[in-house]
Structures are given as structure tokens and as C-alpha cells.
Amino acid sequence: MTSEEIKPEGDPFRLGLAVMQRIGPWNVTMYRPAGHIDSGGPLEITIEPASDGDPQEIARGITTTVLRQINTSAPPPGEARERNREKLAAAEMYALTSVLKDLPGRITDEYLAVVSALYVRAVDLGHRAPVPLLEELTGTKQATLKGHLRAARQRGFLTKVEGKAGGQLTDKAVETLKGIDAEQE
């Protein structure tokens, strides 16, 4: 049985940790959402035949023996987990940047929600001054971005943190982002 880090597919606004185990001819992928990586079991478990798995074992199907071998305990803290978190956040920022390019060129609720999400992810990755990174990602000048972030706070998409970069997405922002995702499918 081996474990390795992978990037889960699907929702571009999804951030968490996915771990893959190889059990016999099966690849078992477990996903834990951000904020719940260290507690409880995985939110999702997917079992698929490995491309190099024994066809006879695969033909027998998933057995209770395979299910009992799945290790659902929280992954140990470590460098691989941190790398995975950073890769997932970077992938999410890339997806958000792509969504931003498809939005109309005006300050809509959708635009403010996406800019807020980019800002929060940049802060989560440890950027003390995230606006220069957002300028690089979006091609929008820093002064303009600061005004847009101020508007996002005023319109209820982003909470405020006094004296430093930060804040959290509000429920309004999360719902708006879900609406954007649903429209893309």
C-alpha cells in the first residue's frame, strides 16, 4: 500500500487535501476539505481500477478485504501535505483567474466575489502583500485592485482585518462563486 499526493478534479473553488492509496489492483483516493484535514475521516472516497492492475483481480470487484485496508485516519503532518496544500491553492488561483477573464469588464457581484477569493487565497498562501500578486495575475493596476477590494468589503463579499492583509469570504461571496461555477458547466 502506498500513499501519494494528488490534485482532486472538479469544482475549481474546492480546496483541501487528496491522498491516494494503492491497495492491490485498486487506486483509492480520499478527499478532505480545507479546515477538516486534521479531524475526522475523508469527505469522499473513490475506488478505481489501477491501469496496471491485475485484470483477474479487478474482474472480481471491490471486496471487503480491500475496504478494510483503506486507511482513513488523518494524514500525518509533513512537508508533502504542505506542498499539496500550496499546489491546490495555486491551482485554485489559476482557475479563479480564468473565470475572471470570462467575466464582463465591469464591477459586478461576480467580479467582486472572484477578486475577493483570489485575495483570500493569496493571503492563505502567506503573501503579506497580496495585491502585487493579484496585479500580476489579473493585469489590473494595484490602485484599481485596492479600490475593488474596498468595494468588495463594502458590498459584503470580504470581511475586514484591521492593520494587515487578510479577511474571509462571506457567505454572500461563497454563494456568488457557486453560481458562477454552476453557469460554467
Protein backbone atom coordinates (compact mmCIF):
# COMPACT_ATOMS: atom_id res chain seq x y z
CA MET A 1 0.00 0.00 0.00
CA THR A 2 1.42 3.39 -0.98
CA SER A 3 0.22 6.93 -0.50
CA GLU A 4 0.90 9.95 -2.65
CA GLU A 5 -0.44 13.43 -3.03
CA ILE A 6 -2.76 14.28 -5.92
CA LYS A 7 -4.95 17.15 -7.06
CA PRO A 8 -8.68 16.43 -6.91
CA GLU A 9 -10.66 17.21 -10.04
CA GLY A 10 -13.94 19.03 -10.23
CA ASP A 11 -15.04 22.22 -8.51
CA PRO A 12 -12.39 24.94 -9.10
CA PHE A 13 -13.33 26.62 -5.80
CA ARG A 14 -12.56 23.47 -3.84
CA LEU A 15 -9.55 23.50 -1.57
CA GLY A 16 -8.40 20.58 0.51
CA LEU A 17 -6.18 17.53 0.56
CA ALA A 18 -6.49 14.44 -1.61
CA VAL A 19 -4.45 11.33 -0.76
CA MET A 20 -4.19 8.24 -2.93
CA GLN A 21 -3.56 4.73 -1.63
CA ARG A 22 -2.79 1.76 -3.81
CA ILE A 23 -4.43 -1.41 -2.50
CA GLY A 24 -3.82 -4.40 -4.75
CA PRO A 25 -5.20 -3.55 -8.19
CA TRP A 26 -7.15 -0.53 -6.87
CA ASN A 27 -6.40 3.18 -6.57
CA VAL A 28 -8.21 4.61 -3.54
CA THR A 29 -8.48 8.41 -3.46
CA MET A 30 -9.65 10.19 -0.30
CA TYR A 31 -10.53 13.89 -0.22
CA ARG A 32 -10.60 16.06 2.90
CA PRO A 33 -11.80 19.68 2.58
CA ALA A 34 -9.68 22.57 3.84
CA GLY A 35 -10.35 23.19 7.51
CA HIS A 36 -11.06 19.50 8.14
CA ILE A 37 -7.77 17.94 7.09
CA ASP A 38 -6.72 17.05 10.63
CA SER A 39 -10.05 15.91 12.02
CA GLY A 40 -12.49 13.15 11.20
CA GLY A 41 -12.44 10.96 8.14
CA PRO A 42 -12.35 11.91 4.49
CA LEU A 43 -15.37 13.58 2.91
CA GLU A 44 -15.12 11.48 -0.26
CA ILE A 45 -13.57 8.11 -1.13
CA THR A 46 -13.20 6.97 -4.75
CA ILE A 47 -12.05 3.45 -5.66
CA GLU A 48 -10.97 2.82 -9.25
CA PRO A 49 -9.03 0.06 -11.00
CA ALA A 50 -5.35 0.88 -11.44
CA SER A 51 -4.22 0.99 -15.07
CA ASP A 52 -1.61 -1.68 -14.32
CA GLY A 53 -3.85 -3.75 -12.02
CA ASP A 54 -4.30 -7.49 -12.43
CA PRO A 55 -7.36 -7.92 -14.72
CA GLN A 56 -8.46 -11.08 -12.90
CA GLU A 57 -8.47 -9.33 -9.51
CA ILE A 58 -10.30 -6.34 -10.98
CA ALA A 59 -12.91 -8.66 -12.52
CA ARG A 60 -13.71 -9.97 -9.00
CA GLY A 61 -14.67 -6.44 -7.98
CA ILE A 62 -14.06 -4.50 -4.78
CA THR A 63 -14.04 -6.89 -1.85
CA THR A 64 -14.50 -6.31 1.86
CA THR A 65 -10.80 -7.14 2.23
CA VAL A 66 -9.96 -4.10 0.09
CA LEU A 67 -12.38 -1.91 2.04
CA ARG A 68 -10.87 -2.96 5.39
CA GLN A 69 -7.39 -1.99 4.17
CA ILE A 70 -8.34 1.63 3.46
CA ASN A 71 -6.58 3.88 5.97
CA THR A 72 -8.99 6.75 6.67
CA SER A 73 -7.04 8.27 9.55
CA ALA A 74 -5.89 11.85 9.27
CA PRO A 75 -2.64 12.16 7.34
CA PRO A 76 0.44 12.92 9.42
CA PRO A 77 1.65 16.50 9.37
CA GLY A 78 4.52 16.95 7.00
CA GLU A 79 6.16 18.53 4.05
CA ALA A 80 4.18 16.59 1.41
CA ARG A 81 0.89 17.75 2.89
CA GLU A 82 2.06 21.37 2.87
CA ARG A 83 3.23 21.06 -0.76
CA ASN A 84 -0.16 19.61 -1.69
CA ARG A 85 -1.96 22.48 0.04
CA GLU A 86 0.15 25.01 -1.84
CA LYS A 87 -0.37 23.25 -5.18
CA LEU A 88 -4.12 23.13 -4.64
CA ALA A 89 -4.26 26.81 -3.68
CA ALA A 90 -2.18 27.74 -6.74
CA ALA A 91 -4.46 25.64 -8.98
CA GLU A 92 -7.49 27.33 -7.44
CA MET A 93 -5.96 30.77 -8.06
CA TYR A 94 -5.33 29.82 -11.69
CA ALA A 95 -8.96 28.67 -12.06
CA LEU A 96 -10.22 31.90 -10.47
CA THR A 97 -8.04 33.96 -12.81
CA SER A 98 -9.53 32.08 -15.78
CA VAL A 99 -13.05 32.77 -14.50
CA LEU A 100 -12.17 36.45 -14.04
CA LYS A 101 -11.10 36.75 -17.69
CA ASP A 102 -14.51 35.43 -18.82
CA LEU A 103 -16.49 37.98 -16.78
CA PRO A 104 -17.77 41.25 -18.28
CA GLY A 105 -15.44 44.22 -17.93
CA ARG A 106 -17.40 45.93 -15.16
CA ILE A 107 -17.58 45.67 -11.40
CA THR A 108 -20.34 43.12 -10.88
CA ASP A 109 -21.07 40.98 -7.82
CA GLU A 110 -19.46 38.05 -9.63
CA TYR A 111 -16.30 40.06 -10.32
CA LEU A 112 -16.03 41.22 -6.70
CA ALA A 113 -16.56 37.66 -5.41
CA VAL A 114 -13.79 36.28 -7.67
CA VAL A 115 -11.34 39.09 -6.81
CA SER A 116 -12.11 38.53 -3.11
CA ALA A 117 -11.48 34.79 -3.48
CA LEU A 118 -8.15 35.44 -5.24
CA TYR A 119 -7.16 37.84 -2.46
CA VAL A 120 -8.07 35.38 0.30
CA ARG A 121 -6.13 32.54 -1.39
CA ALA A 122 -3.06 34.77 -1.81
CA VAL A 123 -3.16 35.62 1.90
CA ASP A 124 -3.68 31.93 2.76
CA LEU A 125 -0.51 31.14 0.79
CA GLY A 126 1.42 33.54 3.02
CA HIS A 127 1.59 36.68 0.88
CA ARG A 128 1.76 39.60 3.31
CA ALA A 129 1.13 41.99 0.41
CA PRO A 130 -1.19 40.07 -1.92
CA VAL A 131 -2.18 42.99 -4.18
CA PRO A 132 1.08 42.87 -6.26
CA LEU A 133 0.42 39.17 -6.90
CA LEU A 134 -3.16 39.97 -7.94
CA GLU A 135 -1.82 42.66 -10.28
CA GLU A 136 0.43 40.06 -11.90
CA LEU A 137 -2.40 37.53 -12.20
CA THR A 138 -5.09 39.88 -13.45
CA GLY A 139 -3.20 42.60 -15.32
CA THR A 140 -5.09 45.22 -13.29
CA LYS A 141 -3.14 48.03 -11.61
CA GLN A 142 -2.65 47.82 -7.84
CA ALA A 143 -4.52 51.07 -7.12
CA THR A 144 -7.52 49.79 -9.08
CA LEU A 145 -7.41 46.42 -7.30
CA LYS A 146 -7.30 48.14 -3.90
CA GLY A 147 -10.43 50.07 -4.85
CA HIS A 148 -12.12 46.87 -6.00
CA LEU A 149 -11.22 45.12 -2.72
CA ARG A 150 -12.60 48.11 -0.79
CA ALA A 151 -15.82 47.82 -2.84
CA ALA A 152 -15.91 44.06 -2.14
CA ARG A 153 -15.76 44.77 1.60
CA GLN A 154 -18.41 47.50 1.37
CA ARG A 155 -20.74 45.26 -0.63
CA GLY A 156 -20.34 42.34 1.79
CA PHE A 157 -18.09 39.90 -0.10
CA LEU A 158 -14.99 40.14 2.09
CA THR A 159 -14.51 40.67 5.81
CA LYS A 160 -12.03 43.23 7.10
CA VAL A 161 -8.92 42.66 9.22
CA GLU A 162 -7.52 45.78 10.88
CA GLY A 163 -3.90 46.67 10.22
CA LYS A 164 -2.87 43.80 7.94
CA ALA A 165 -3.73 41.89 4.79
CA GLY A 166 -6.48 39.37 5.27
CA GLY A 167 -10.14 38.72 5.65
CA GLN A 168 -12.50 35.89 4.85
CA LEU A 169 -15.04 35.31 2.16
CA THR A 170 -18.55 35.97 3.39
CA ASP A 171 -21.48 33.64 2.80
CA LYS A 172 -22.62 36.04 0.08
CA ALA A 173 -19.29 35.63 -1.74
CA VAL A 174 -19.37 31.83 -1.42
CA GLU A 175 -22.91 31.69 -2.83
CA THR A 176 -21.95 34.00 -5.70
CA LEU A 177 -18.93 31.81 -6.52
CA LYS A 178 -21.15 28.71 -6.55
CA GLY A 179 -23.45 30.49 -9.01
CA ILE A 180 -20.52 31.25 -11.32
CA ASP A 181 -19.36 27.63 -11.17
CA ALA A 182 -22.84 26.32 -11.99
CA GLU A 183 -23.06 28.63 -15.02
CA GLN A 184 -19.78 27.32 -16.43
CA GLU A 185 -20.82 23.66 -16.56
